[in-house]
């Protein structure tokens, strides 16, 4: 990885105010401050891509080509709970517990069009009336997201196949989870490359990784086991 990589330390709860800052919208009192190191000039649309079981460890070890070659900044996100639902709560409400503010509702009230594509069981409670396409899996999320690119101000794509495929691999005694996640990362990286090529100018990708619904033990030893244990959730900024 490039030694000159622009790394920023931030809090997970800063994500919603940072998206408002990117859109040059007023930030309500009480929200954590935005990450001001991210440039907000001429951004017309944001694609928020949420990946389960994806963090700093996966970037360092698997080195997904599109993400590495196109990232502008890498946010290392501190949080008291890095798992799926608590992370969704923080990026929508700006808090791990409170629900006084809702990012999607606020964007809609300020004439920003939004859409969420993902498993309805995971994200529906956060949408507050925002348009939603329920997805049966990551391929459907990718296909539907590709169709809607450039047609909304904020597109939120929720990718979360790993844990269901992991459980299936255990049942049918197929590949170990570390190989599985490598294949899924490379697959998703190719999907993101294709979507990025479709994007119009003045767009921003925010690729946000969390630790999944629960901690999954990998067959890792030595430094790799230590790295994964210490791995933080991340947000990767790619600009077009």
C-alpha atoms as a PDB file:
ATOM      1  CA  UNK A   1       0.000   0.000   0.000  1.00  0.00           C
ATOM      2  CA  UNK A   2       1.158   3.532  -0.788  1.00  0.00           C
ATOM      3  CA  UNK A   3       3.165   4.926   2.122  1.00  0.00           C
ATOM      4  CA  UNK A   4       1.786   8.401   1.321  1.00  0.00           C
ATOM      5  CA  UNK A   5      -1.809   7.239   1.730  1.00  0.00           C
ATOM      6  CA  UNK A   6      -3.975   9.968   3.249  1.00  0.00           C
ATOM      7  CA  UNK A   7      -5.206   8.389   6.493  1.00  0.00           C
ATOM      8  CA  UNK A   8      -7.662  10.206   8.768  1.00  0.00           C
ATOM      9  CA  UNK A   9      -8.682   9.220  12.298  1.00  0.00           C
ATOM     10  CA  UNK A  10     -12.380   9.823  12.900  1.00  0.00           C
ATOM     11  CA  UNK A  11     -15.445   8.596  14.790  1.00  0.00           C
ATOM     12  CA  UNK A  12     -18.170   6.492  13.178  1.00  0.00           C
ATOM     13  CA  UNK A  13     -20.732   8.987  14.478  1.00  0.00           C
ATOM     14  CA  UNK A  14     -19.157  11.714  12.305  1.00  0.00           C
ATOM     15  CA  UNK A  15     -20.324  10.056   9.083  1.00  0.00           C
ATOM     16  CA  UNK A  16     -23.789  11.713   8.806  1.00  0.00           C
ATOM     17  CA  UNK A  17     -22.509  15.238   9.479  1.00  0.00           C
ATOM     18  CA  UNK A  18     -19.674  14.604   7.013  1.00  0.00           C
ATOM     19  CA  UNK A  19     -22.201  13.692   4.305  1.00  0.00           C
ATOM     20  CA  UNK A  20     -24.109  16.902   5.056  1.00  0.00           C
ATOM     21  CA  UNK A  21     -20.834  18.831   4.849  1.00  0.00           C
ATOM     22  CA  UNK A  22     -20.052  17.211   1.475  1.00  0.00           C
ATOM     23  CA  UNK A  23     -23.432  18.419   0.200  1.00  0.00           C
ATOM     24  CA  UNK A  24     -22.861  21.895   1.709  1.00  0.00           C
ATOM     25  CA  UNK A  25     -25.959  21.531   3.894  1.00  0.00           C
ATOM     26  CA  UNK A  26     -26.353  23.032   7.374  1.00  0.00           C
ATOM     27  CA  UNK A  27     -25.387  20.679  10.204  1.00  0.00           C
ATOM     28  CA  UNK A  28     -27.955  20.490  13.017  1.00  0.00           C
ATOM     29  CA  UNK A  29     -26.854  21.371  16.514  1.00  0.00           C
ATOM     30  CA  UNK A  30     -25.938  18.322  18.558  1.00  0.00           C
ATOM     31  CA  UNK A  31     -24.475  16.241  15.735  1.00  0.00           C
ATOM     32  CA  UNK A  32     -20.771  15.373  15.965  1.00  0.00           C
ATOM     33  CA  UNK A  33     -18.614  17.644  13.817  1.00  0.00           C
ATOM     34  CA  UNK A  34     -17.865  16.580  10.221  1.00  0.00           C
ATOM     35  CA  UNK A  35     -14.529  15.314   8.962  1.00  0.00           C
ATOM     36  CA  UNK A  36     -13.279  18.565   7.433  1.00  0.00           C
ATOM     37  CA  UNK A  37     -10.249  16.957   5.771  1.00  0.00           C
ATOM     38  CA  UNK A  38     -12.569  15.626   3.038  1.00  0.00           C
ATOM     39  CA  UNK A  39     -12.920  18.196   0.250  1.00  0.00           C
ATOM     40  CA  UNK A  40     -16.516  19.166  -0.438  1.00  0.00           C
ATOM     41  CA  UNK A  41     -16.160  21.246  -3.579  1.00  0.00           C
ATOM     42  CA  UNK A  42     -18.350  20.401  -6.599  1.00  0.00           C
ATOM     43  CA  UNK A  43     -19.805  17.158  -5.213  1.00  0.00           C
ATOM     44  CA  UNK A  44     -23.187  16.570  -6.845  1.00  0.00           C
ATOM     45  CA  UNK A  45     -23.873  13.001  -5.746  1.00  0.00           C
ATOM     46  CA  UNK A  46     -22.697  10.470  -3.152  1.00  0.00           C
ATOM     47  CA  UNK A  47     -22.746   6.677  -3.414  1.00  0.00           C
ATOM     48  CA  UNK A  48     -22.552   5.152   0.077  1.00  0.00           C
ATOM     49  CA  UNK A  49     -21.484   1.513  -0.095  1.00  0.00           C
ATOM     50  CA  UNK A  50     -21.714  -0.420   3.177  1.00  0.00           C
ATOM     51  CA  UNK A  51     -19.768  -3.702   3.286  1.00  0.00           C
ATOM     52  CA  UNK A  52     -20.168  -6.257   6.059  1.00  0.00           C
ATOM     53  CA  UNK A  53     -16.977  -7.935   7.314  1.00  0.00           C
ATOM     54  CA  UNK A  54     -14.653  -5.408   5.706  1.00  0.00           C
ATOM     55  CA  UNK A  55     -12.075  -3.313   7.514  1.00  0.00           C
ATOM     56  CA  UNK A  56      -8.463  -2.220   7.619  1.00  0.00           C
ATOM     57  CA  UNK A  57      -7.268  -5.839   7.825  1.00  0.00           C
ATOM     58  CA  UNK A  58      -8.970  -6.783   4.550  1.00  0.00           C
ATOM     59  CA  UNK A  59      -7.503  -3.747   2.764  1.00  0.00           C
ATOM     60  CA  UNK A  60      -3.950  -4.507   3.922  1.00  0.00           C
ATOM     61  CA  UNK A  61      -4.063  -8.280   3.334  1.00  0.00           C
ATOM     62  CA  UNK A  62      -6.207  -8.646   0.192  1.00  0.00           C
ATOM     63  CA  UNK A  63      -5.373  -5.318  -1.524  1.00  0.00           C
ATOM     64  CA  UNK A  64      -8.491  -4.932  -3.708  1.00  0.00           C
ATOM     65  CA  UNK A  65      -7.200  -3.300  -6.891  1.00  0.00           C
ATOM     66  CA  UNK A  66      -9.928  -0.770  -7.673  1.00  0.00           C
ATOM     67  CA  UNK A  67     -10.178   0.452  -4.090  1.00  0.00           C
ATOM     68  CA  UNK A  68      -6.406   0.775  -3.637  1.00  0.00           C
ATOM     69  CA  UNK A  69      -5.885   2.552  -6.968  1.00  0.00           C
ATOM     70  CA  UNK A  70      -8.726   5.042  -6.582  1.00  0.00           C
ATOM     71  CA  UNK A  71      -8.939   5.892  -2.910  1.00  0.00           C
ATOM     72  CA  UNK A  72      -8.364   9.524  -2.038  1.00  0.00           C
ATOM     73  CA  UNK A  73      -8.569   9.156   1.731  1.00  0.00           C
ATOM     74  CA  UNK A  74      -8.886   6.322   4.217  1.00  0.00           C
ATOM     75  CA  UNK A  75     -10.857   7.044   7.392  1.00  0.00           C
ATOM     76  CA  UNK A  76     -10.056   4.849  10.392  1.00  0.00           C
ATOM     77  CA  UNK A  77     -13.327   4.842  12.317  1.00  0.00           C
ATOM     78  CA  UNK A  78     -13.384   4.503  16.081  1.00  0.00           C
ATOM     79  CA  UNK A  79     -16.610   3.134  17.511  1.00  0.00           C
ATOM     80  CA  UNK A  80     -17.820   1.430  20.668  1.00  0.00           C
ATOM     81  CA  UNK A  81     -19.609  -1.180  18.543  1.00  0.00           C
ATOM     82  CA  UNK A  82     -18.298  -2.021  15.039  1.00  0.00           C
ATOM     83  CA  UNK A  83     -21.008  -4.557  14.108  1.00  0.00           C
ATOM     84  CA  UNK A  84     -23.653  -4.159  11.398  1.00  0.00           C
ATOM     85  CA  UNK A  85     -26.760  -2.805  13.135  1.00  0.00           C
ATOM     86  CA  UNK A  86     -24.921  -0.473  15.552  1.00  0.00           C
ATOM     87  CA  UNK A  87     -22.895   0.893  12.617  1.00  0.00           C
ATOM     88  CA  UNK A  88     -26.061   1.527  10.581  1.00  0.00           C
ATOM     89  CA  UNK A  89     -27.517   3.267  13.632  1.00  0.00           C
ATOM     90  CA  UNK A  90     -24.480   5.558  13.852  1.00  0.00           C
ATOM     91  CA  UNK A  91     -24.338   6.491  10.172  1.00  0.00           C
ATOM     92  CA  UNK A  92     -28.055   7.313  10.102  1.00  0.00           C
ATOM     93  CA  UNK A  93     -28.566   8.906  13.535  1.00  0.00           C
ATOM     94  CA  UNK A  94     -25.063  10.156  14.338  1.00  0.00           C
ATOM     95  CA  UNK A  95     -25.218   8.374  17.672  1.00  0.00           C
ATOM     96  CA  UNK A  96     -25.034   4.835  19.025  1.00  0.00           C
ATOM     97  CA  UNK A  97     -28.240   5.183  21.046  1.00  0.00           C
ATOM     98  CA  UNK A  98     -30.148   8.414  20.307  1.00  0.00           C
ATOM     99  CA  UNK A  99     -32.550   8.665  17.359  1.00  0.00           C
ATOM    100  CA  UNK A 100     -33.336  12.380  17.356  1.00  0.00           C
ATOM    101  CA  UNK A 101     -31.791  12.996  13.906  1.00  0.00           C
ATOM    102  CA  UNK A 102     -32.164  10.898  10.748  1.00  0.00           C
ATOM    103  CA  UNK A 103     -29.734  11.481   7.881  1.00  0.00           C
ATOM    104  CA  UNK A 104     -32.037  10.230   5.124  1.00  0.00           C
ATOM    105  CA  UNK A 105     -35.041  12.208   6.343  1.00  0.00           C
ATOM    106  CA  UNK A 106     -32.914  15.339   6.710  1.00  0.00           C
ATOM    107  CA  UNK A 107     -31.541  15.010   3.175  1.00  0.00           C
ATOM    108  CA  UNK A 108     -35.057  14.579   1.791  1.00  0.00           C
ATOM    109  CA  UNK A 109     -36.257  17.667   3.662  1.00  0.00           C
ATOM    110  CA  UNK A 110     -33.417  19.612   2.021  1.00  0.00           C
ATOM    111  CA  UNK A 111     -34.426  18.520  -1.486  1.00  0.00           C
ATOM    112  CA  UNK A 112     -31.796  15.806  -1.849  1.00  0.00           C
ATOM    113  CA  UNK A 113     -33.131  12.628  -3.462  1.00  0.00           C
ATOM    114  CA  UNK A 114     -32.149   9.397  -1.695  1.00  0.00           C
ATOM    115  CA  UNK A 115     -32.560   5.663  -2.191  1.00  0.00           C
ATOM    116  CA  UNK A 116     -31.507   2.609  -0.174  1.00  0.00           C
ATOM    117  CA  UNK A 117     -30.851  -0.761  -1.825  1.00  0.00           C
ATOM    118  CA  UNK A 118     -30.302  -3.778   0.409  1.00  0.00           C
ATOM    119  CA  UNK A 119     -31.886  -6.397   2.639  1.00  0.00           C
ATOM    120  CA  UNK A 120     -35.064  -4.844   3.990  1.00  0.00           C
ATOM    121  CA  UNK A 121     -34.727  -6.720   7.269  1.00  0.00           C
ATOM    122  CA  UNK A 122     -31.466  -4.885   7.959  1.00  0.00           C
ATOM    123  CA  UNK A 123     -32.115  -1.326   6.778  1.00  0.00           C
ATOM    124  CA  UNK A 124     -35.873  -0.723   6.641  1.00  0.00           C
ATOM    125  CA  UNK A 125     -36.092   0.579  10.208  1.00  0.00           C
ATOM    126  CA  UNK A 126     -33.622   3.364   9.333  1.00  0.00           C
ATOM    127  CA  UNK A 127     -35.180   4.632   6.096  1.00  0.00           C
ATOM    128  CA  UNK A 128     -37.876   7.006   7.497  1.00  0.00           C
ATOM    129  CA  UNK A 129     -39.918   6.970   4.287  1.00  0.00           C
ATOM    130  CA  UNK A 130     -36.924   7.062   1.944  1.00  0.00           C
ATOM    131  CA  UNK A 131     -37.324   5.130  -1.307  1.00  0.00           C
ATOM    132  CA  UNK A 132     -36.066   1.571  -0.885  1.00  0.00           C
ATOM    133  CA  UNK A 133     -35.399  -1.430  -3.122  1.00  0.00           C
ATOM    134  CA  UNK A 134     -35.388  -4.700  -1.201  1.00  0.00           C
ATOM    135  CA  UNK A 135     -32.554  -6.963  -2.323  1.00  0.00           C
ATOM    136  CA  UNK A 136     -32.291 -10.739  -2.078  1.00  0.00           C
ATOM    137  CA  UNK A 137     -28.486 -10.666  -2.215  1.00  0.00           C
ATOM    138  CA  UNK A 138     -25.400  -8.709  -3.195  1.00  0.00           C
ATOM    139  CA  UNK A 139     -25.725  -9.396  -6.934  1.00  0.00           C
ATOM    140  CA  UNK A 140     -29.232  -7.925  -6.910  1.00  0.00           C
ATOM    141  CA  UNK A 141     -27.930  -4.928  -4.952  1.00  0.00           C
ATOM    142  CA  UNK A 142     -25.189  -4.391  -7.547  1.00  0.00           C
ATOM    143  CA  UNK A 143     -27.559  -4.743 -10.532  1.00  0.00           C
ATOM    144  CA  UNK A 144     -30.197  -2.434  -9.063  1.00  0.00           C
ATOM    145  CA  UNK A 145     -27.547   0.056  -7.955  1.00  0.00           C
ATOM    146  CA  UNK A 146     -26.039   0.137 -11.444  1.00  0.00           C
ATOM    147  CA  UNK A 147     -29.465   0.936 -12.904  1.00  0.00           C
ATOM    148  CA  UNK A 148     -30.053   3.832 -10.534  1.00  0.00           C
ATOM    149  CA  UNK A 149     -26.558   5.412 -10.651  1.00  0.00           C
ATOM    150  CA  UNK A 150     -26.544   9.163 -11.418  1.00  0.00           C
ATOM    151  CA  UNK A 151     -30.321   9.325 -10.817  1.00  0.00           C
ATOM    152  CA  UNK A 152     -30.249  10.189  -7.090  1.00  0.00           C
ATOM    153  CA  UNK A 153     -28.212  12.550  -4.933  1.00  0.00           C
ATOM    154  CA  UNK A 154     -27.486   9.820  -2.370  1.00  0.00           C
ATOM    155  CA  UNK A 155     -27.496   6.124  -3.220  1.00  0.00           C
ATOM    156  CA  UNK A 156     -26.927   3.746  -0.322  1.00  0.00           C
ATOM    157  CA  UNK A 157     -25.952   0.178  -1.289  1.00  0.00           C
ATOM    158  CA  UNK A 158     -25.850  -2.423   1.474  1.00  0.00           C
ATOM    159  CA  UNK A 159     -23.680  -5.475   0.677  1.00  0.00           C
ATOM    160  CA  UNK A 160     -23.930  -8.292   3.206  1.00  0.00           C
ATOM    161  CA  UNK A 161     -23.563 -11.710   1.559  1.00  0.00           C
ATOM    162  CA  UNK A 162     -20.566 -12.916   3.559  1.00  0.00           C
ATOM    163  CA  UNK A 163     -22.281 -14.328   6.629  1.00  0.00           C
ATOM    164  CA  UNK A 164     -24.965 -16.268   4.741  1.00  0.00           C
ATOM    165  CA  UNK A 165     -22.320 -17.721   2.397  1.00  0.00           C
ATOM    166  CA  UNK A 166     -20.112 -18.486   5.384  1.00  0.00           C
ATOM    167  CA  UNK A 167     -22.895 -20.461   7.061  1.00  0.00           C
ATOM    168  CA  UNK A 168     -23.530 -22.313   3.798  1.00  0.00           C
ATOM    169  CA  UNK A 169     -19.823 -23.186   3.482  1.00  0.00           C
ATOM    170  CA  UNK A 170     -19.878 -24.666   6.983  1.00  0.00           C
ATOM    171  CA  UNK A 171     -22.953 -26.775   6.204  1.00  0.00           C
ATOM    172  CA  UNK A 172     -21.563 -28.098   2.927  1.00  0.00           C
ATOM    173  CA  UNK A 173     -17.937 -28.187   4.143  1.00  0.00           C
ATOM    174  CA  UNK A 174     -16.652 -25.981   1.367  1.00  0.00           C
ATOM    175  CA  UNK A 175     -13.898 -23.348   1.470  1.00  0.00           C
ATOM    176  CA  UNK A 176     -12.740 -21.867   4.789  1.00  0.00           C
ATOM    177  CA  UNK A 177     -14.021 -18.373   5.618  1.00  0.00           C
ATOM    178  CA  UNK A 178     -10.718 -16.586   4.956  1.00  0.00           C
ATOM    179  CA  UNK A 179     -10.723 -17.809   1.321  1.00  0.00           C
ATOM    180  CA  UNK A 180     -14.396 -16.985   1.042  1.00  0.00           C
ATOM    181  CA  UNK A 181     -13.982 -13.395   2.126  1.00  0.00           C
ATOM    182  CA  UNK A 182     -11.051 -12.958  -0.266  1.00  0.00           C
ATOM    183  CA  UNK A 183     -13.216 -14.094  -3.199  1.00  0.00           C
ATOM    184  CA  UNK A 184     -16.074 -11.811  -2.130  1.00  0.00           C
ATOM    185  CA  UNK A 185     -13.729  -8.826  -1.790  1.00  0.00           C
ATOM    186  CA  UNK A 186     -12.292  -9.344  -5.284  1.00  0.00           C
ATOM    187  CA  UNK A 187     -15.795  -9.836  -6.727  1.00  0.00           C
ATOM    188  CA  UNK A 188     -17.149  -6.703  -5.085  1.00  0.00           C
ATOM    189  CA  UNK A 189     -14.040  -4.753  -6.101  1.00  0.00           C
ATOM    190  CA  UNK A 190     -14.789  -5.572  -9.764  1.00  0.00           C
ATOM    191  CA  UNK A 191     -18.411  -4.525  -9.315  1.00  0.00           C
ATOM    192  CA  UNK A 192     -17.338  -1.214  -7.805  1.00  0.00           C
ATOM    193  CA  UNK A 193     -14.932  -0.593 -10.696  1.00  0.00           C
ATOM    194  CA  UNK A 194     -17.775  -1.046 -13.180  1.00  0.00           C
ATOM    195  CA  UNK A 195     -20.059   1.296 -11.233  1.00  0.00           C
ATOM    196  CA  UNK A 196     -17.310   3.884 -10.868  1.00  0.00           C
ATOM    197  CA  UNK A 197     -16.839   3.924 -14.644  1.00  0.00           C
ATOM    198  CA  UNK A 198     -20.580   4.616 -15.028  1.00  0.00           C
ATOM    199  CA  UNK A 199     -20.566   7.507 -12.551  1.00  0.00           C
ATOM    200  CA  UNK A 200     -20.755  11.044 -13.843  1.00  0.00           C
ATOM    201  CA  UNK A 201     -18.162  13.621 -12.890  1.00  0.00           C
ATOM    202  CA  UNK A 202     -18.438  15.364  -9.493  1.00  0.00           C
ATOM    203  CA  UNK A 203     -19.389  12.168  -7.679  1.00  0.00           C
ATOM    204  CA  UNK A 204     -18.072  10.641  -4.478  1.00  0.00           C
ATOM    205  CA  UNK A 205     -17.855   6.987  -3.440  1.00  0.00           C
ATOM    206  CA  UNK A 206     -17.860   6.352   0.310  1.00  0.00           C
ATOM    207  CA  UNK A 207     -17.049   2.670   0.893  1.00  0.00           C
ATOM    208  CA  UNK A 208     -17.747   1.940   4.546  1.00  0.00           C
ATOM    209  CA  UNK A 209     -16.808  -1.351   6.177  1.00  0.00           C
ATOM    210  CA  UNK A 210     -17.999  -2.876   9.443  1.00  0.00           C
ATOM    211  CA  UNK A 211     -17.368  -6.097  11.372  1.00  0.00           C
ATOM    212  CA  UNK A 212     -20.571  -7.859  10.300  1.00  0.00           C
ATOM    213  CA  UNK A 213     -23.466  -9.002  12.450  1.00  0.00           C
ATOM    214  CA  UNK A 214     -21.173 -10.961  14.749  1.00  0.00           C
ATOM    215  CA  UNK A 215     -17.497 -11.780  15.087  1.00  0.00           C
ATOM    216  CA  UNK A 216     -16.493 -14.693  12.863  1.00  0.00           C
ATOM    217  CA  UNK A 217     -13.359 -16.578  13.775  1.00  0.00           C
ATOM    218  CA  UNK A 218     -10.885 -17.061  10.933  1.00  0.00           C
ATOM    219  CA  UNK A 219      -8.180 -19.715  10.703  1.00  0.00           C
ATOM    220  CA  UNK A 220      -5.414 -17.153  11.195  1.00  0.00           C
ATOM    221  CA  UNK A 221      -2.195 -17.299  13.179  1.00  0.00           C
ATOM    222  CA  UNK A 222       0.723 -15.020  14.015  1.00  0.00           C
ATOM    223  CA  UNK A 223       0.716 -11.444  12.765  1.00  0.00           C
ATOM    224  CA  UNK A 224      -2.403 -11.954  10.642  1.00  0.00           C
ATOM    225  CA  UNK A 225      -4.425 -12.995  13.688  1.00  0.00           C
ATOM    226  CA  UNK A 226      -3.123  -9.953  15.582  1.00  0.00           C
ATOM    227  CA  UNK A 227      -3.877  -7.594  12.672  1.00  0.00           C
ATOM    228  CA  UNK A 228      -7.438  -8.836  12.303  1.00  0.00           C
ATOM    229  CA  UNK A 229      -8.088  -8.553  16.033  1.00  0.00           C
ATOM    230  CA  UNK A 230      -6.927  -4.923  15.935  1.00  0.00           C
ATOM    231  CA  UNK A 231      -8.667  -4.093  12.640  1.00  0.00           C
ATOM    232  CA  UNK A 232     -10.830  -0.956  12.646  1.00  0.00           C
ATOM    233  CA  UNK A 233     -13.926  -0.235  10.593  1.00  0.00           C
ATOM    234  CA  UNK A 234     -13.043   2.063   7.699  1.00  0.00           C
ATOM    235  CA  UNK A 235     -14.490   4.524   5.214  1.00  0.00           C
ATOM    236  CA  UNK A 236     -12.754   4.850   1.856  1.00  0.00           C
ATOM    237  CA  UNK A 237     -13.254   8.019  -0.160  1.00  0.00           C
ATOM    238  CA  UNK A 238     -13.025   7.775  -3.971  1.00  0.00           C
ATOM    239  CA  UNK A 239     -13.678  10.892  -6.048  1.00  0.00           C
ATOM    240  CA  UNK A 240     -14.652  11.246  -9.703  1.00  0.00           C
END
